[in-house]
């Protein structure tokens, strides 16, 4: 491995590890003038995109967890389940949490599942 790539590896690993912590629900934080959104992530996830600094917030990851395990995980995290819909091989779960609309999209990617979580302010 060359020096250029090896110097990025610890930063990349740190970023992934920070995303492993799961919280009970997504919150829009008002502390310290930040609007970061906390999105729960299933254990052993491989996060590849994290745009949670503002709304709409998006987090994308790969996991070896089954579709049922992912559904159960998000059912425990979000209490306001609204609907479940399957289109073109993708399962979309929709939740309502306080003033947020939450979509969890699960799709098969080879031997893993891709999970996309999108949180935005609820439309009035």
PDB file of N, CA and C in Angstrom:
ATOM      1  N   UNK A   1       0.854  -1.170   0.000  1.00  0.00           N
ATOM      2  CA  UNK A   1       0.000   0.000   0.000  1.00  0.00           C
ATOM      3  C   UNK A   1       0.902   1.235   0.000  1.00  0.00           C
ATOM      4  N   UNK A   2       0.584   2.223  -0.848  1.00  0.00           N
ATOM      5  CA  UNK A   2       1.432   3.409  -0.887  1.00  0.00           C
ATOM      6  C   UNK A   2       1.059   4.368   0.244  1.00  0.00           C
ATOM      7  N   UNK A   3       1.939   5.340   0.485  1.00  0.00           N
ATOM      8  CA  UNK A   3       1.753   6.274   1.606  1.00  0.00           C
ATOM      9  C   UNK A   3       0.479   7.089   1.498  1.00  0.00           C
ATOM     10  N   UNK A   4       0.133   7.472   0.269  1.00  0.00           N
ATOM     11  CA  UNK A   4      -1.053   8.298   0.075  1.00  0.00           C
ATOM     12  C   UNK A   4      -2.302   7.567   0.567  1.00  0.00           C
ATOM     13  N   UNK A   5      -2.481   6.293   0.206  1.00  0.00           N
ATOM     14  CA  UNK A   5      -3.649   5.526   0.628  1.00  0.00           C
ATOM     15  C   UNK A   5      -3.568   5.136   2.091  1.00  0.00           C
ATOM     16  N   UNK A   6      -2.391   4.824   2.597  1.00  0.00           N
ATOM     17  CA  UNK A   6      -2.266   4.388   3.983  1.00  0.00           C
ATOM     18  C   UNK A   6      -2.566   5.523   4.963  1.00  0.00           C
ATOM     19  N   UNK A   7      -2.308   6.766   4.579  1.00  0.00           N
ATOM     20  CA  UNK A   7      -2.610   7.881   5.472  1.00  0.00           C
ATOM     21  C   UNK A   7      -4.110   8.147   5.549  1.00  0.00           C
ATOM     22  N   UNK A   8      -4.874   7.742   4.550  1.00  0.00           N
ATOM     23  CA  UNK A   8      -6.324   7.937   4.550  1.00  0.00           C
ATOM     24  C   UNK A   8      -7.039   6.813   5.292  1.00  0.00           C
ATOM     25  N   UNK A   9      -6.403   5.658   5.415  1.00  0.00           N
ATOM     26  CA  UNK A   9      -7.046   4.497   6.020  1.00  0.00           C
ATOM     27  C   UNK A   9      -7.503   4.739   7.458  1.00  0.00           C
ATOM     28  N   UNK A  10      -6.656   5.267   8.363  1.00  0.00           N
ATOM     29  CA  UNK A  10      -7.132   5.496   9.734  1.00  0.00           C
ATOM     30  C   UNK A  10      -8.322   6.464   9.800  1.00  0.00           C
ATOM     31  N   UNK A  11      -8.311   7.491   8.963  1.00  0.00           N
ATOM     32  CA  UNK A  11      -9.418   8.447   8.936  1.00  0.00           C
ATOM     33  C   UNK A  11     -10.690   7.762   8.454  1.00  0.00           C
ATOM     34  N   UNK A  12     -10.577   6.938   7.422  1.00  0.00           N
ATOM     35  CA  UNK A  12     -11.719   6.201   6.881  1.00  0.00           C
ATOM     36  C   UNK A  12     -12.284   5.244   7.922  1.00  0.00           C
ATOM     37  N   UNK A  13     -11.418   4.510   8.602  1.00  0.00           N
ATOM     38  CA  UNK A  13     -11.846   3.564   9.626  1.00  0.00           C
ATOM     39  C   UNK A  13     -12.525   4.300  10.775  1.00  0.00           C
ATOM     40  N   UNK A  14     -11.960   5.425  11.185  1.00  0.00           N
ATOM     41  CA  UNK A  14     -12.567   6.211  12.263  1.00  0.00           C
ATOM     42  C   UNK A  14     -13.958   6.689  11.886  1.00  0.00           C
ATOM     43  N   UNK A  15     -14.123   7.124  10.642  1.00  0.00           N
ATOM     44  CA  UNK A  15     -15.427   7.594  10.185  1.00  0.00           C
ATOM     45  C   UNK A  15     -16.453   6.465  10.219  1.00  0.00           C
ATOM     46  N   UNK A  16     -16.043   5.284   9.810  1.00  0.00           N
ATOM     47  CA  UNK A  16     -16.956   4.138   9.826  1.00  0.00           C
ATOM     48  C   UNK A  16     -17.314   3.770  11.257  1.00  0.00           C
ATOM     49  N   UNK A  17     -16.331   3.731  12.147  1.00  0.00           N
ATOM     50  CA  UNK A  17     -16.604   3.351  13.531  1.00  0.00           C
ATOM     51  C   UNK A  17     -17.543   4.323  14.223  1.00  0.00           C
ATOM     52  N   UNK A  18     -17.446   5.587  13.889  1.00  0.00           N
ATOM     53  CA  UNK A  18     -18.342   6.574  14.481  1.00  0.00           C
ATOM     54  C   UNK A  18     -19.799   6.305  14.106  1.00  0.00           C
ATOM     55  N   UNK A  19     -20.006   5.696  12.948  1.00  0.00           N
ATOM     56  CA  UNK A  19     -21.362   5.448  12.483  1.00  0.00           C
ATOM     57  C   UNK A  19     -21.965   4.170  13.042  1.00  0.00           C
ATOM     58  N   UNK A  20     -21.207   3.383  13.807  1.00  0.00           N
ATOM     59  CA  UNK A  20     -21.726   2.138  14.346  1.00  0.00           C
ATOM     60  C   UNK A  20     -22.638   2.348  15.538  1.00  0.00           C
ATOM     61  N   UNK A  21     -22.532   3.471  16.181  1.00  0.00           N
ATOM     62  CA  UNK A  21     -23.347   3.662  17.375  1.00  0.00           C
ATOM     63  C   UNK A  21     -24.801   3.849  16.966  1.00  0.00           C
ATOM     64  N   UNK A  22     -25.670   3.079  17.565  1.00  0.00           N
ATOM     65  CA  UNK A  22     -27.106   3.159  17.265  1.00  0.00           C
ATOM     66  C   UNK A  22     -27.790   3.960  18.354  1.00  0.00           C
ATOM     67  N   UNK A  23     -28.724   4.762  17.940  1.00  0.00           N
ATOM     68  CA  UNK A  23     -29.515   5.511  18.907  1.00  0.00           C
ATOM     69  C   UNK A  23     -30.955   5.047  18.811  1.00  0.00           C
ATOM     70  N   UNK A  24     -31.773   5.451  19.770  1.00  0.00           N
ATOM     71  CA  UNK A  24     -33.152   4.988  19.800  1.00  0.00           C
ATOM     72  C   UNK A  24     -33.968   5.597  18.666  1.00  0.00           C
ATOM     73  N   UNK A  25     -33.723   6.835  18.312  1.00  0.00           N
ATOM     74  CA  UNK A  25     -34.440   7.451  17.212  1.00  0.00           C
ATOM     75  C   UNK A  25     -33.635   8.617  16.673  1.00  0.00           C
ATOM     76  N   UNK A  26     -34.014   9.053  15.476  1.00  0.00           N
ATOM     77  CA  UNK A  26     -33.310  10.174  14.860  1.00  0.00           C
ATOM     78  C   UNK A  26     -33.780  11.466  15.507  1.00  0.00           C
ATOM     79  N   UNK A  27     -32.837  12.308  15.812  1.00  0.00           N
ATOM     80  CA  UNK A  27     -33.157  13.592  16.413  1.00  0.00           C
ATOM     81  C   UNK A  27     -32.482  14.705  15.638  1.00  0.00           C
ATOM     82  N   UNK A  28     -33.156  15.778  15.493  1.00  0.00           N
ATOM     83  CA  UNK A  28     -32.532  16.966  14.956  1.00  0.00           C
ATOM     84  C   UNK A  28     -31.962  17.705  16.158  1.00  0.00           C
ATOM     85  N   UNK A  29     -30.657  17.817  16.221  1.00  0.00           N
ATOM     86  CA  UNK A  29     -30.010  18.385  17.391  1.00  0.00           C
ATOM     87  C   UNK A  29     -29.939  19.902  17.274  1.00  0.00           C
ATOM     88  N   UNK A  30     -30.266  20.576  18.353  1.00  0.00           N
ATOM     89  CA  UNK A  30     -30.169  22.030  18.380  1.00  0.00           C
ATOM     90  C   UNK A  30     -29.024  22.495  19.268  1.00  0.00           C
ATOM     91  N   UNK A  31     -28.295  21.549  19.839  1.00  0.00           N
ATOM     92  CA  UNK A  31     -27.188  21.902  20.722  1.00  0.00           C
ATOM     93  C   UNK A  31     -25.988  22.372  19.915  1.00  0.00           C
ATOM     94  N   UNK A  32     -25.280  23.334  20.450  1.00  0.00           N
ATOM     95  CA  UNK A  32     -24.035  23.847  19.864  1.00  0.00           C
ATOM     96  C   UNK A  32     -24.232  24.287  18.416  1.00  0.00           C
ATOM     97  N   UNK A  33     -25.414  24.859  18.116  1.00  0.00           N
ATOM     98  CA  UNK A  33     -25.701  25.370  16.783  1.00  0.00           C
ATOM     99  C   UNK A  33     -25.470  24.344  15.682  1.00  0.00           C
ATOM    100  N   UNK A  34     -25.759  23.106  15.943  1.00  0.00           N
ATOM    101  CA  UNK A  34     -25.616  22.083  14.916  1.00  0.00           C
ATOM    102  C   UNK A  34     -26.981  21.484  14.608  1.00  0.00           C
ATOM    103  N   UNK A  35     -27.173  21.078  13.376  1.00  0.00           N
ATOM    104  CA  UNK A  35     -28.414  20.441  12.970  1.00  0.00           C
ATOM    105  C   UNK A  35     -28.155  18.999  12.564  1.00  0.00           C
ATOM    106  N   UNK A  36     -27.138  18.383  13.098  1.00  0.00           N
ATOM    107  CA  UNK A  36     -26.820  17.006  12.755  1.00  0.00           C
ATOM    108  C   UNK A  36     -27.963  16.083  13.135  1.00  0.00           C
ATOM    109  N   UNK A  37     -28.147  15.066  12.330  1.00  0.00           N
ATOM    110  CA  UNK A  37     -29.186  14.077  12.555  1.00  0.00           C
ATOM    111  C   UNK A  37     -28.506  12.757  12.892  1.00  0.00           C
ATOM    112  N   UNK A  38     -28.993  12.089  13.924  1.00  0.00           N
ATOM    113  CA  UNK A  38     -28.436  10.803  14.327  1.00  0.00           C
ATOM    114  C   UNK A  38     -29.306   9.714  13.721  1.00  0.00           C
ATOM    115  N   UNK A  39     -28.714   8.868  12.894  1.00  0.00           N
ATOM    116  CA  UNK A  39     -29.442   7.784  12.249  1.00  0.00           C
ATOM    117  C   UNK A  39     -28.913   6.462  12.791  1.00  0.00           C
ATOM    118  N   UNK A  40     -29.790   5.622  13.328  1.00  0.00           N
ATOM    119  CA  UNK A  40     -29.348   4.330  13.848  1.00  0.00           C
ATOM    120  C   UNK A  40     -28.825   3.431  12.731  1.00  0.00           C
ATOM    121  N   UNK A  41     -27.769   2.689  13.054  1.00  0.00           N
ATOM    122  CA  UNK A  41     -27.120   1.802  12.085  1.00  0.00           C
ATOM    123  C   UNK A  41     -27.012   0.419  12.706  1.00  0.00           C
ATOM    124  N   UNK A  42     -27.385  -0.600  11.966  1.00  0.00           N
ATOM    125  CA  UNK A  42     -27.317  -1.968  12.449  1.00  0.00           C
ATOM    126  C   UNK A  42     -25.855  -2.360  12.688  1.00  0.00           C
ATOM    127  N   UNK A  43     -25.609  -3.231  13.660  1.00  0.00           N
ATOM    128  CA  UNK A  43     -24.243  -3.664  13.984  1.00  0.00           C
ATOM    129  C   UNK A  43     -23.566  -4.269  12.753  1.00  0.00           C
ATOM    130  N   UNK A  44     -22.259  -4.069  12.658  1.00  0.00           N
ATOM    131  CA  UNK A  44     -21.416  -4.602  11.577  1.00  0.00           C
ATOM    132  C   UNK A  44     -21.747  -4.030  10.204  1.00  0.00           C
ATOM    133  N   UNK A  45     -22.335  -2.855  10.170  1.00  0.00           N
ATOM    134  CA  UNK A  45     -22.643  -2.201   8.893  1.00  0.00           C
ATOM    135  C   UNK A  45     -21.376  -1.631   8.278  1.00  0.00           C
ATOM    136  N   UNK A  46     -21.355  -1.590   6.950  1.00  0.00           N
ATOM    137  CA  UNK A  46     -20.267  -0.966   6.206  1.00  0.00           C
ATOM    138  C   UNK A  46     -20.829   0.317   5.590  1.00  0.00           C
ATOM    139  N   UNK A  47     -20.680   1.424   6.305  1.00  0.00           N
ATOM    140  CA  UNK A  47     -21.226   2.703   5.854  1.00  0.00           C
ATOM    141  C   UNK A  47     -20.396   3.208   4.674  1.00  0.00           C
ATOM    142  N   UNK A  48     -21.085   3.590   3.596  1.00  0.00           N
ATOM    143  CA  UNK A  48     -20.365   4.137   2.452  1.00  0.00           C
ATOM    144  C   UNK A  48     -20.785   5.560   2.104  1.00  0.00           C
ATOM    145  N   UNK A  49     -21.832   6.059   2.727  1.00  0.00           N
ATOM    146  CA  UNK A  49     -22.219   7.454   2.527  1.00  0.00           C
ATOM    147  C   UNK A  49     -22.938   7.943   3.777  1.00  0.00           C
ATOM    148  N   UNK A  50     -22.523   9.113   4.260  1.00  0.00           N
ATOM    149  CA  UNK A  50     -23.092   9.664   5.478  1.00  0.00           C
ATOM    150  C   UNK A  50     -23.270  11.165   5.290  1.00  0.00           C
ATOM    151  N   UNK A  51     -24.498  11.563   4.997  1.00  0.00           N
ATOM    152  CA  UNK A  51     -24.824  12.975   4.814  1.00  0.00           C
ATOM    153  C   UNK A  51     -25.864  13.344   5.865  1.00  0.00           C
ATOM    154  N   UNK A  52     -25.410  13.482   7.115  1.00  0.00           N
ATOM    155  CA  UNK A  52     -26.332  13.710   8.229  1.00  0.00           C
ATOM    156  C   UNK A  52     -26.102  15.053   8.919  1.00  0.00           C
ATOM    157  N   UNK A  53     -25.433  15.977   8.242  1.00  0.00           N
ATOM    158  CA  UNK A  53     -25.167  17.281   8.842  1.00  0.00           C
ATOM    159  C   UNK A  53     -26.381  18.191   8.834  1.00  0.00           C
ATOM    160  N   UNK A  54     -27.347  17.893   7.968  1.00  0.00           N
ATOM    161  CA  UNK A  54     -28.553  18.707   7.873  1.00  0.00           C
ATOM    162  C   UNK A  54     -29.661  17.881   7.231  1.00  0.00           C
ATOM    163  N   UNK A  55     -30.870  18.409   7.279  1.00  0.00           N
ATOM    164  CA  UNK A  55     -31.999  17.736   6.646  1.00  0.00           C
ATOM    165  C   UNK A  55     -32.171  18.219   5.217  1.00  0.00           C
ATOM    166  N   UNK A  56     -32.545  17.390   4.287  1.00  0.00           N
ATOM    167  CA  UNK A  56     -32.754  15.964   4.465  1.00  0.00           C
ATOM    168  C   UNK A  56     -31.429  15.249   4.723  1.00  0.00           C
ATOM    169  N   UNK A  57     -31.479  14.256   5.609  1.00  0.00           N
ATOM    170  CA  UNK A  57     -30.291  13.483   5.973  1.00  0.00           C
ATOM    171  C   UNK A  57     -30.361  12.125   5.279  1.00  0.00           C
ATOM    172  N   UNK A  58     -29.191  11.638   4.824  1.00  0.00           N
ATOM    173  CA  UNK A  58     -29.125  10.356   4.131  1.00  0.00           C
ATOM    174  C   UNK A  58     -27.935   9.571   4.669  1.00  0.00           C
ATOM    175  N   UNK A  59     -28.171   8.294   4.938  1.00  0.00           N
ATOM    176  CA  UNK A  59     -27.104   7.387   5.364  1.00  0.00           C
ATOM    177  C   UNK A  59     -27.263   6.104   4.553  1.00  0.00           C
ATOM    178  N   UNK A  60     -26.168   5.642   3.946  1.00  0.00           N
ATOM    179  CA  UNK A  60     -26.199   4.427   3.128  1.00  0.00           C
ATOM    180  C   UNK A  60     -25.151   3.459   3.640  1.00  0.00           C
ATOM    181  N   UNK A  61     -25.540   2.165   3.730  1.00  0.00           N
ATOM    182  CA  UNK A  61     -24.578   1.162   4.172  1.00  0.00           C
ATOM    183  C   UNK A  61     -24.917  -0.212   3.616  1.00  0.00           C
ATOM    184  N   UNK A  62     -23.914  -1.090   3.656  1.00  0.00           N
ATOM    185  CA  UNK A  62     -24.082  -2.496   3.311  1.00  0.00           C
ATOM    186  C   UNK A  62     -24.067  -3.306   4.594  1.00  0.00           C
ATOM    187  N   UNK A  63     -24.813  -4.413   4.593  1.00  0.00           N
ATOM    188  CA  UNK A  63     -24.835  -5.306   5.748  1.00  0.00           C
ATOM    189  C   UNK A  63     -25.079  -6.733   5.272  1.00  0.00           C
ATOM    190  N   UNK A  64     -24.618  -7.672   6.066  1.00  0.00           N
ATOM    191  CA  UNK A  64     -24.914  -9.085   5.804  1.00  0.00           C
ATOM    192  C   UNK A  64     -26.162  -9.531   6.572  1.00  0.00           C
ATOM    193  N   UNK A  65     -26.759  -8.640   7.330  1.00  0.00           N
ATOM    194  CA  UNK A  65     -27.994  -8.950   8.055  1.00  0.00           C
ATOM    195  C   UNK A  65     -29.096  -9.295   7.051  1.00  0.00           C
ATOM    196  N   UNK A  66     -30.016 -10.135   7.481  1.00  0.00           N
ATOM    197  CA  UNK A  66     -31.140 -10.492   6.614  1.00  0.00           C
ATOM    198  C   UNK A  66     -32.124  -9.329   6.541  1.00  0.00           C
ATOM    199  N   UNK A  67     -32.997  -9.391   5.560  1.00  0.00           N
ATOM    200  CA  UNK A  67     -34.020  -8.371   5.426  1.00  0.00           C
ATOM    201  C   UNK A  67     -34.882  -8.315   6.693  1.00  0.00           C
ATOM    202  N   UNK A  68     -35.212  -9.481   7.232  1.00  0.00           N
ATOM    203  CA  UNK A  68     -36.021  -9.539   8.454  1.00  0.00           C
ATOM    204  C   UNK A  68     -35.305  -8.891   9.643  1.00  0.00           C
ATOM    205  N   UNK A  69     -33.989  -9.118   9.765  1.00  0.00           N
ATOM    206  CA  UNK A  69     -33.220  -8.500  10.851  1.00  0.00           C
ATOM    207  C   UNK A  69     -33.195  -6.979  10.712  1.00  0.00           C
ATOM    208  N   UNK A  70     -33.073  -6.499   9.490  1.00  0.00           N
ATOM    209  CA  UNK A  70     -33.060  -5.053   9.247  1.00  0.00           C
ATOM    210  C   UNK A  70     -34.425  -4.456   9.589  1.00  0.00           C
ATOM    211  N   UNK A  71     -35.492  -5.120   9.158  1.00  0.00           N
ATOM    212  CA  UNK A  71     -36.851  -4.648   9.467  1.00  0.00           C
ATOM    213  C   UNK A  71     -37.041  -4.589  10.979  1.00  0.00           C
ATOM    214  N   UNK A  72     -36.674  -5.673  11.670  1.00  0.00           N
ATOM    215  CA  UNK A  72     -36.815  -5.714  13.136  1.00  0.00           C
ATOM    216  C   UNK A  72     -36.024  -4.597  13.804  1.00  0.00           C
ATOM    217  N   UNK A  73     -34.800  -4.365  13.328  1.00  0.00           N
ATOM    218  CA  UNK A  73     -33.944  -3.321  13.900  1.00  0.00           C
ATOM    219  C   UNK A  73     -34.637  -1.956  13.817  1.00  0.00           C
ATOM    220  N   UNK A  74     -35.152  -1.606  12.623  1.00  0.00           N
ATOM    221  CA  UNK A  74     -35.770  -0.288  12.467  1.00  0.00           C
ATOM    222  C   UNK A  74     -37.144  -0.214  13.131  1.00  0.00           C
ATOM    223  N   UNK A  75     -37.836  -1.333  13.274  1.00  0.00           N
ATOM    224  CA  UNK A  75     -39.090  -1.332  14.032  1.00  0.00           C
ATOM    225  C   UNK A  75     -38.808  -0.978  15.494  1.00  0.00           C
ATOM    226  N   UNK A  76     -37.675  -1.435  16.021  1.00  0.00           N
ATOM    227  CA  UNK A  76     -37.294  -1.115  17.402  1.00  0.00           C
ATOM    228  C   UNK A  76     -36.834   0.337  17.537  1.00  0.00           C
ATOM    229  N   UNK A  77     -36.243   0.883  16.489  1.00  0.00           N
ATOM    230  CA  UNK A  77     -35.702   2.243  16.543  1.00  0.00           C
ATOM    231  C   UNK A  77     -36.786   3.312  16.371  1.00  0.00           C
ATOM    232  N   UNK A  78     -37.733   3.063  15.484  1.00  0.00           N
ATOM    233  CA  UNK A  78     -38.755   4.055  15.142  1.00  0.00           C
ATOM    234  C   UNK A  78     -40.137   3.503  15.485  1.00  0.00           C
ATOM    235  N   UNK A  79     -40.884   4.246  16.265  1.00  0.00           N
ATOM    236  CA  UNK A  79     -42.184   3.768  16.723  1.00  0.00           C
ATOM    237  C   UNK A  79     -43.325   4.090  15.761  1.00  0.00           C
ATOM    238  N   UNK A  80     -43.203   5.075  14.931  1.00  0.00           N
ATOM    239  CA  UNK A  80     -44.316   5.525  14.093  1.00  0.00           C
ATOM    240  C   UNK A  80     -44.376   4.873  12.728  1.00  0.00           C
ATOM    241  N   UNK A  81     -44.481   3.540  12.689  1.00  0.00           N
ATOM    242  CA  UNK A  81     -44.529   2.823  11.408  1.00  0.00           C
ATOM    243  C   UNK A  81     -45.768   3.225  10.616  1.00  0.00           C
ATOM    244  N   UNK A  82     -45.590   3.557   9.332  1.00  0.00           N
ATOM    245  CA  UNK A  82     -46.707   3.944   8.481  1.00  0.00           C
ATOM    246  C   UNK A  82     -47.007   2.910   7.398  1.00  0.00           C
ATOM    247  N   UNK A  83     -45.952   2.472   6.669  1.00  0.00           N
ATOM    248  CA  UNK A  83     -46.223   1.573   5.542  1.00  0.00           C
ATOM    249  C   UNK A  83     -44.977   0.791   5.131  1.00  0.00           C
ATOM    250  N   UNK A  84     -45.252  -0.225   4.306  1.00  0.00           N
ATOM    251  CA  UNK A  84     -44.197  -1.071   3.747  1.00  0.00           C
ATOM    252  C   UNK A  84     -44.599  -1.338   2.300  1.00  0.00           C
ATOM    253  N   UNK A  85     -43.654  -1.131   1.368  1.00  0.00           N
ATOM    254  CA  UNK A  85     -43.963  -1.302  -0.045  1.00  0.00           C
ATOM    255  C   UNK A  85     -42.754  -1.901  -0.767  1.00  0.00           C
ATOM    256  N   UNK A  86     -43.004  -2.860  -1.655  1.00  0.00           N
ATOM    257  CA  UNK A  86     -41.920  -3.464  -2.438  1.00  0.00           C
ATOM    258  C   UNK A  86     -42.122  -3.099  -3.911  1.00  0.00           C
ATOM    259  N   UNK A  87     -41.079  -2.499  -4.498  1.00  0.00           N
ATOM    260  CA  UNK A  87     -41.077  -2.127  -5.916  1.00  0.00           C
ATOM    261  C   UNK A  87     -39.712  -2.440  -6.496  1.00  0.00           C
ATOM    262  N   UNK A  88     -39.708  -3.079  -7.652  1.00  0.00           N
ATOM    263  CA  UNK A  88     -38.468  -3.384  -8.372  1.00  0.00           C
ATOM    264  C   UNK A  88     -37.410  -4.023  -7.476  1.00  0.00           C
ATOM    265  N   UNK A  89     -37.841  -4.925  -6.592  1.00  0.00           N
ATOM    266  CA  UNK A  89     -36.912  -5.640  -5.724  1.00  0.00           C
ATOM    267  C   UNK A  89     -36.444  -4.868  -4.507  1.00  0.00           C
ATOM    268  N   UNK A  90     -36.937  -3.650  -4.326  1.00  0.00           N
ATOM    269  CA  UNK A  90     -36.556  -2.831  -3.165  1.00  0.00           C
ATOM    270  C   UNK A  90     -37.722  -2.747  -2.192  1.00  0.00           C
ATOM    271  N   UNK A  91     -37.424  -2.947  -0.923  1.00  0.00           N
ATOM    272  CA  UNK A  91     -38.442  -2.816   0.122  1.00  0.00           C
ATOM    273  C   UNK A  91     -38.274  -1.452   0.772  1.00  0.00           C
ATOM    274  N   UNK A  92     -39.357  -0.676   0.825  1.00  0.00           N
ATOM    275  CA  UNK A  92     -39.328   0.639   1.455  1.00  0.00           C
ATOM    276  C   UNK A  92     -40.228   0.623   2.678  1.00  0.00           C
ATOM    277  N   UNK A  93     -39.638   0.951   3.826  1.00  0.00           N
ATOM    278  CA  UNK A  93     -40.368   1.101   5.085  1.00  0.00           C
ATOM    279  C   UNK A  93     -40.508   2.593   5.342  1.00  0.00           C
ATOM    280  N   UNK A  94     -41.694   3.021   5.748  1.00  0.00           N
ATOM    281  CA  UNK A  94     -41.934   4.439   6.007  1.00  0.00           C
ATOM    282  C   UNK A  94     -42.380   4.616   7.452  1.00  0.00           C
ATOM    283  N   UNK A  95     -41.765   5.604   8.121  1.00  0.00           N
ATOM    284  CA  UNK A  95     -42.064   5.899   9.525  1.00  0.00           C
ATOM    285  C   UNK A  95     -42.332   7.380   9.677  1.00  0.00           C
ATOM    286  N   UNK A  96     -43.071   7.714  10.732  1.00  0.00           N
ATOM    287  CA  UNK A  96     -43.294   9.102  11.129  1.00  0.00           C
ATOM    288  C   UNK A  96     -42.803   9.236  12.563  1.00  0.00           C
ATOM    289  N   UNK A  97     -41.818  10.084  12.794  1.00  0.00           N
ATOM    290  CA  UNK A  97     -41.249  10.260  14.127  1.00  0.00           C
ATOM    291  C   UNK A  97     -41.277  11.752  14.441  1.00  0.00           C
ATOM    292  N   UNK A  98     -42.176  12.154  15.326  1.00  0.00           N
ATOM    293  CA  UNK A  98     -42.344  13.565  15.671  1.00  0.00           C
ATOM    294  C   UNK A  98     -42.529  14.381  14.402  1.00  0.00           C
ATOM    295  N   UNK A  99     -41.607  15.282  14.095  1.00  0.00           N
ATOM    296  CA  UNK A  99     -41.754  16.137  12.909  1.00  0.00           C
ATOM    297  C   UNK A  99     -40.970  15.612  11.703  1.00  0.00           C
ATOM    298  N   UNK A 100     -40.497  14.359  11.791  1.00  0.00           N
ATOM    299  CA  UNK A 100     -39.694  13.786  10.713  1.00  0.00           C
ATOM    300  C   UNK A 100     -40.418  12.676   9.956  1.00  0.00           C
ATOM    301  N   UNK A 101     -40.170  12.642   8.668  1.00  0.00           N
ATOM    302  CA  UNK A 101     -40.604  11.541   7.814  1.00  0.00           C
ATOM    303  C   UNK A 101     -39.351  10.710   7.542  1.00  0.00           C
ATOM    304  N   UNK A 102     -39.446   9.387   7.745  1.00  0.00           N
ATOM    305  CA  UNK A 102     -38.276   8.512   7.640  1.00  0.00           C
ATOM    306  C   UNK A 102     -38.574   7.394   6.660  1.00  0.00           C
ATOM    307  N   UNK A 103     -37.659   7.195   5.694  1.00  0.00           N
ATOM    308  CA  UNK A 103     -37.767   6.071   4.761  1.00  0.00           C
ATOM    309  C   UNK A 103     -36.527   5.205   4.902  1.00  0.00           C
ATOM    310  N   UNK A 104     -36.751   3.899   4.983  1.00  0.00           N
ATOM    311  CA  UNK A 104     -35.669   2.927   5.019  1.00  0.00           C
ATOM    312  C   UNK A 104     -35.858   2.045   3.788  1.00  0.00           C
ATOM    313  N   UNK A 105     -34.876   2.071   2.881  1.00  0.00           N
ATOM    314  CA  UNK A 105     -34.963   1.294   1.650  1.00  0.00           C
ATOM    315  C   UNK A 105     -33.944   0.161   1.730  1.00  0.00           C
ATOM    316  N   UNK A 106     -34.415  -1.071   1.522  1.00  0.00           N
ATOM    317  CA  UNK A 106     -33.564  -2.255   1.611  1.00  0.00           C
ATOM    318  C   UNK A 106     -33.548  -2.927   0.246  1.00  0.00           C
ATOM    319  N   UNK A 107     -32.344  -3.161  -0.292  1.00  0.00           N
ATOM    320  CA  UNK A 107     -32.229  -3.842  -1.583  1.00  0.00           C
ATOM    321  C   UNK A 107     -31.103  -4.867  -1.534  1.00  0.00           C
ATOM    322  N   UNK A 108     -31.258  -5.919  -2.315  1.00  0.00           N
ATOM    323  CA  UNK A 108     -30.262  -6.992  -2.379  1.00  0.00           C
ATOM    324  C   UNK A 108     -29.111  -6.559  -3.273  1.00  0.00           C
ATOM    325  N   UNK A 109     -27.874  -6.755  -2.801  1.00  0.00           N
ATOM    326  CA  UNK A 109     -26.670  -6.447  -3.574  1.00  0.00           C
ATOM    327  C   UNK A 109     -25.722  -7.628  -3.432  1.00  0.00           C
ATOM    328  N   UNK A 110     -25.739  -8.535  -4.381  1.00  0.00           N
ATOM    329  CA  UNK A 110     -24.960  -9.777  -4.305  1.00  0.00           C
ATOM    330  C   UNK A 110     -25.326 -10.526  -3.026  1.00  0.00           C
ATOM    331  N   UNK A 111     -24.363 -10.780  -2.148  1.00  0.00           N
ATOM    332  CA  UNK A 111     -24.644 -11.528  -0.917  1.00  0.00           C
ATOM    333  C   UNK A 111     -24.917 -10.611   0.268  1.00  0.00           C
ATOM    334  N   UNK A 112     -25.034  -9.312   0.013  1.00  0.00           N
ATOM    335  CA  UNK A 112     -25.296  -8.338   1.069  1.00  0.00           C
ATOM    336  C   UNK A 112     -26.585  -7.600   0.767  1.00  0.00           C
ATOM    337  N   UNK A 113     -27.019  -6.805   1.725  1.00  0.00           N
ATOM    338  CA  UNK A 113     -28.131  -5.908   1.538  1.00  0.00           C
ATOM    339  C   UNK A 113     -27.619  -4.477   1.629  1.00  0.00           C
ATOM    340  N   UNK A 114     -28.153  -3.630   0.770  1.00  0.00           N
ATOM    341  CA  UNK A 114     -27.878  -2.200   0.863  1.00  0.00           C
ATOM    342  C   UNK A 114     -29.049  -1.569   1.588  1.00  0.00           C
ATOM    343  N   UNK A 115     -28.735  -0.717   2.560  1.00  0.00           N
ATOM    344  CA  UNK A 115     -29.764  -0.017   3.326  1.00  0.00           C
ATOM    345  C   UNK A 115     -29.547   1.482   3.132  1.00  0.00           C
ATOM    346  N   UNK A 116     -30.603   2.155   2.722  1.00  0.00           N
ATOM    347  CA  UNK A 116     -30.580   3.604   2.550  1.00  0.00           C
ATOM    348  C   UNK A 116     -31.619   4.187   3.499  1.00  0.00           C
ATOM    349  N   UNK A 117     -31.175   5.084   4.374  1.00  0.00           N
ATOM    350  CA  UNK A 117     -32.084   5.727   5.326  1.00  0.00           C
ATOM    351  C   UNK A 117     -32.140   7.205   4.982  1.00  0.00           C
ATOM    352  N   UNK A 118     -33.365   7.700   4.758  1.00  0.00           N
ATOM    353  CA  UNK A 118     -33.575   9.101   4.396  1.00  0.00           C
ATOM    354  C   UNK A 118     -34.509   9.718   5.421  1.00  0.00           C
ATOM    355  N   UNK A 119     -34.075  10.816   6.023  1.00  0.00           N
ATOM    356  CA  UNK A 119     -34.895  11.527   7.009  1.00  0.00           C
ATOM    357  C   UNK A 119     -35.084  12.962   6.541  1.00  0.00           C
ATOM    358  N   UNK A 120     -36.337  13.377   6.532  1.00  0.00           N
ATOM    359  CA  UNK A 120     -36.619  14.768   6.157  1.00  0.00           C
ATOM    360  C   UNK A 120     -37.746  15.291   7.029  1.00  0.00           C
ATOM    361  N   UNK A 121     -37.922  16.606   6.990  1.00  0.00           N
ATOM    362  CA  UNK A 121     -39.019  17.192   7.738  1.00  0.00           C
ATOM    363  C   UNK A 121     -40.324  16.761   7.115  1.00  0.00           C
ATOM    364  N   UNK A 122     -41.289  16.457   7.961  1.00  0.00           N
ATOM    365  CA  UNK A 122     -42.614  16.032   7.499  1.00  0.00           C
ATOM    366  C   UNK A 122     -43.273  17.173   6.756  1.00  0.00           C
ATOM    367  N   UNK A 123     -43.898  16.821   5.637  1.00  0.00           N
ATOM    368  CA  UNK A 123     -44.654  17.816   4.877  1.00  0.00           C
ATOM    369  C   UNK A 123     -45.980  18.048   5.569  1.00  0.00           C
ATOM    370  N   UNK A 124     -46.333  19.280   5.738  1.00  0.00           N
ATOM    371  CA  UNK A 124     -47.589  19.640   6.445  1.00  0.00           C
ATOM    372  C   UNK A 124     -48.762  19.516   5.521  1.00  0.00           C
TER     373      UNK A 124
END
